[in-house]
N, C-alpha and C. Protein backbone atom coordinates (compact mmCIF):
# COMPACT_ATOMS: atom_id res chain seq x y z
N MET A 1 -82.92 64.37 193.13
CA MET A 1 -81.72 65.55 193.23
C MET A 1 -82.52 66.98 194.38
N ALA A 2 -81.19 67.20 194.34
CA ALA A 2 -81.91 69.14 194.36
C ALA A 2 -80.88 70.13 193.88
N ILE A 3 -82.34 71.48 193.87
CA ILE A 3 -82.13 72.08 193.10
C ILE A 3 -80.95 72.99 192.46
N ASP A 4 -79.89 72.32 193.35
CA ASP A 4 -78.26 73.23 193.35
C ASP A 4 -77.97 72.35 192.42
N GLU A 5 -78.18 71.07 192.39
CA GLU A 5 -77.37 70.49 191.56
C GLU A 5 -77.91 70.34 190.28
N ARG A 6 -79.25 70.61 190.30
CA ARG A 6 -79.06 70.66 188.70
C ARG A 6 -78.91 72.12 187.49
N PHE A 7 -78.66 72.98 189.14
CA PHE A 7 -78.30 74.17 188.67
C PHE A 7 -76.51 74.71 188.41
N GLU A 8 -75.94 73.87 189.37
CA GLU A 8 -74.60 74.26 189.64
C GLU A 8 -74.19 74.67 188.58
N ASP A 9 -73.75 73.95 187.11
CA ASP A 9 -73.59 74.05 185.53
C ASP A 9 -73.48 75.44 185.20
N LEU A 10 -74.54 75.67 185.77
CA LEU A 10 -75.14 77.56 185.22
C LEU A 10 -74.89 78.47 185.86
N GLU A 11 -73.70 78.20 186.94
CA GLU A 11 -73.03 79.75 187.38
C GLU A 11 -71.87 80.19 186.89
N PRO A 12 -71.71 81.02 186.72
CA PRO A 12 -70.32 80.95 185.75
C PRO A 12 -69.31 80.95 187.28
N ARG A 13 -68.21 79.84 186.69
CA ARG A 13 -66.96 79.90 187.50
C ARG A 13 -65.99 81.45 187.43
N LYS A 14 -65.43 81.65 188.23
CA LYS A 14 -64.41 82.24 188.77
C LYS A 14 -63.03 82.16 188.47
N ALA A 15 -62.59 82.69 187.66
CA ALA A 15 -61.56 82.25 187.89
C ALA A 15 -60.21 82.62 189.03
N LYS A 16 -59.07 81.75 189.30
CA LYS A 16 -57.71 82.04 189.97
C LYS A 16 -57.60 83.13 189.48
N PRO A 17 -57.35 84.57 190.20
CA PRO A 17 -56.61 85.36 189.84
C PRO A 17 -55.12 84.92 189.74
N ALA A 18 -54.04 85.90 188.71
CA ALA A 18 -53.29 85.60 188.96
C ALA A 18 -52.79 85.77 189.42
N PRO A 19 -51.59 85.71 190.38
CA PRO A 19 -49.87 86.23 191.10
C PRO A 19 -49.77 87.48 190.19
N LYS A 20 -49.71 88.67 191.65
CA LYS A 20 -48.70 89.67 191.13
C LYS A 20 -46.87 89.33 191.06
N ASP A 21 -46.96 89.84 189.41
CA ASP A 21 -45.49 90.14 189.18
C ASP A 21 -44.83 90.73 189.79
N LEU A 22 -44.25 90.09 191.42
CA LEU A 22 -43.27 90.72 191.90
C LEU A 22 -41.88 91.73 191.86
N THR A 23 -41.10 91.20 190.51
CA THR A 23 -40.27 91.49 190.31
C THR A 23 -40.38 92.65 190.00
N VAL A 24 -41.00 93.15 189.06
CA VAL A 24 -41.49 94.75 188.58
C VAL A 24 -42.02 96.06 189.21
N MET A 25 -41.65 95.56 190.54
CA MET A 25 -42.03 96.61 192.05
C MET A 25 -40.63 96.33 192.90
N GLY A 26 -41.21 97.82 193.27
CA GLY A 26 -39.88 98.55 194.24
C GLY A 26 -40.02 97.75 195.16
N VAL A 27 -39.40 98.41 196.08
CA VAL A 27 -39.37 97.25 197.81
C VAL A 27 -40.76 98.23 198.25
N ALA A 28 -41.12 99.65 198.58
CA ALA A 28 -41.95 100.48 198.93
C ALA A 28 -43.39 99.79 198.41
N GLU A 29 -43.59 99.53 197.24
CA GLU A 29 -44.87 99.22 196.26
C GLU A 29 -44.79 97.37 196.91
N ILE A 30 -43.68 97.36 197.13
CA ILE A 30 -44.31 95.30 197.81
C ILE A 30 -44.53 95.42 199.34
N GLU A 31 -44.15 96.48 200.03
CA GLU A 31 -44.34 96.24 201.08
C GLU A 31 -46.01 96.85 201.74
N ALA A 32 -46.41 98.36 200.12
CA ALA A 32 -47.76 98.07 200.73
C ALA A 32 -48.77 97.37 199.88
N TYR A 33 -48.29 96.96 199.01
CA TYR A 33 -48.57 95.50 198.65
C TYR A 33 -48.96 94.59 199.93
N ILE A 34 -47.87 93.97 200.69
CA ILE A 34 -48.25 93.09 201.96
C ILE A 34 -49.35 94.01 202.74
N ALA A 35 -49.15 95.06 202.89
CA ALA A 35 -49.93 95.84 203.95
C ALA A 35 -51.69 95.82 203.21
N ALA A 36 -52.00 96.14 201.43
CA ALA A 36 -52.75 95.65 201.49
C ALA A 36 -53.56 93.78 201.38
N LEU A 37 -52.59 93.24 201.44
CA LEU A 37 -53.21 91.89 201.76
C LEU A 37 -53.49 91.13 203.58
N GLU A 38 -52.26 92.29 204.30
CA GLU A 38 -52.46 91.83 205.69
C GLU A 38 -54.04 92.86 205.81
N ALA A 39 -54.57 93.93 205.29
CA ALA A 39 -55.94 94.66 205.64
C ALA A 39 -57.07 93.31 205.39
N GLU A 40 -57.08 92.75 204.42
CA GLU A 40 -57.86 91.64 203.65
C GLU A 40 -58.06 90.84 204.67
N ILE A 41 -56.48 90.19 205.16
CA ILE A 41 -56.69 89.30 205.76
C ILE A 41 -57.77 89.44 206.95
N THR A 42 -57.47 90.11 207.94
CA THR A 42 -57.62 91.00 208.76
C THR A 42 -59.54 90.86 209.09
N ARG A 43 -59.83 91.75 208.07
CA ARG A 43 -61.36 91.49 206.51
C ARG A 43 -61.48 90.12 206.84
N ALA A 44 -61.04 89.18 206.42
CA ALA A 44 -61.71 87.82 206.23
C ALA A 44 -62.02 87.19 207.90
N ARG A 45 -61.00 87.26 208.35
CA ARG A 45 -60.63 87.04 210.40
C ARG A 45 -61.81 87.99 211.01
N ALA A 46 -62.07 89.12 210.33
CA ALA A 46 -62.94 89.41 211.26
C ALA A 46 -64.49 88.12 210.13
N ALA A 47 -64.64 88.48 209.87
CA ALA A 47 -66.25 87.76 208.59
C ALA A 47 -65.99 86.82 209.20
N ILE A 48 -65.20 86.47 209.25
CA ILE A 48 -65.13 84.35 209.97
C ILE A 48 -65.86 85.19 211.05
N ALA A 49 -65.13 85.19 211.85
CA ALA A 49 -65.37 86.16 214.03
C ALA A 49 -66.83 86.26 213.42
N ALA A 50 -67.61 87.04 213.25
CA ALA A 50 -68.75 87.25 212.94
C ALA A 50 -70.00 85.80 212.23
N LYS A 51 -69.49 85.09 211.62
CA LYS A 51 -70.52 84.13 211.23
C LYS A 51 -70.09 83.56 212.65
N GLN A 52 -69.36 82.46 212.82
CA GLN A 52 -69.07 81.64 214.43
C GLN A 52 -69.44 82.55 214.99
N ALA A 53 -69.50 83.28 215.68
CA ALA A 53 -70.37 84.47 216.84
C ALA A 53 -71.86 84.69 216.29
N GLN A 54 -72.56 84.58 214.49
CA GLN A 54 -73.92 84.41 214.69
C GLN A 54 -74.24 82.62 214.55
N LYS A 55 -73.71 82.33 214.79
CA LYS A 55 -73.97 80.64 214.41
C LYS A 55 -73.76 79.85 216.24
N SER A 56 -73.04 80.66 216.31
CA SER A 56 -72.97 80.60 218.52
C SER A 56 -74.58 80.68 218.79
N ALA A 57 -74.61 81.46 218.63
CA ALA A 57 -76.13 82.16 219.34
C ALA A 57 -77.26 81.92 218.23
N ALA A 58 -77.01 81.32 217.49
CA ALA A 58 -78.55 80.62 216.80
C ALA A 58 -78.31 79.08 217.63
N GLU A 59 -77.54 77.97 218.08
CA GLU A 59 -77.29 77.29 218.33
C GLU A 59 -77.83 77.42 220.50
N ALA A 60 -77.14 78.27 220.70
CA ALA A 60 -77.87 78.76 221.98
C ALA A 60 -79.18 78.90 222.01
N PHE A 61 -80.05 79.83 221.04
CA PHE A 61 -81.11 79.90 220.72
C PHE A 61 -82.31 78.70 221.25
N PHE A 62 -81.92 78.23 220.38
CA PHE A 62 -82.76 77.32 219.66
C PHE A 62 -82.25 75.03 221.17
N LYS A 63 -81.74 75.31 221.57
CA LYS A 63 -80.70 74.79 222.35
C LYS A 63 -82.45 74.35 223.82
N LYS A 64 -82.11 76.32 223.73
CA LYS A 64 -83.14 76.92 224.95
C LYS A 64 -84.11 75.73 225.14
N GLY A 65 -84.84 75.90 223.68
CA GLY A 65 -86.76 75.36 223.51
C GLY A 65 -86.73 74.35 224.54
């Protein structure tokens, strides 16, 4: 049994955030909310690209050996 498996239950679980209630928001507020979500998506995609580049670089480095 790996250490991670034994202590898996000790870490607090993060609750899934509730969706925003869009019915109480005006059009401008919803547009701002969408812009914020799109910015977060862009940030997440950049993080994915960086991790993929690191992985590719590491694979290329170890294949040369």
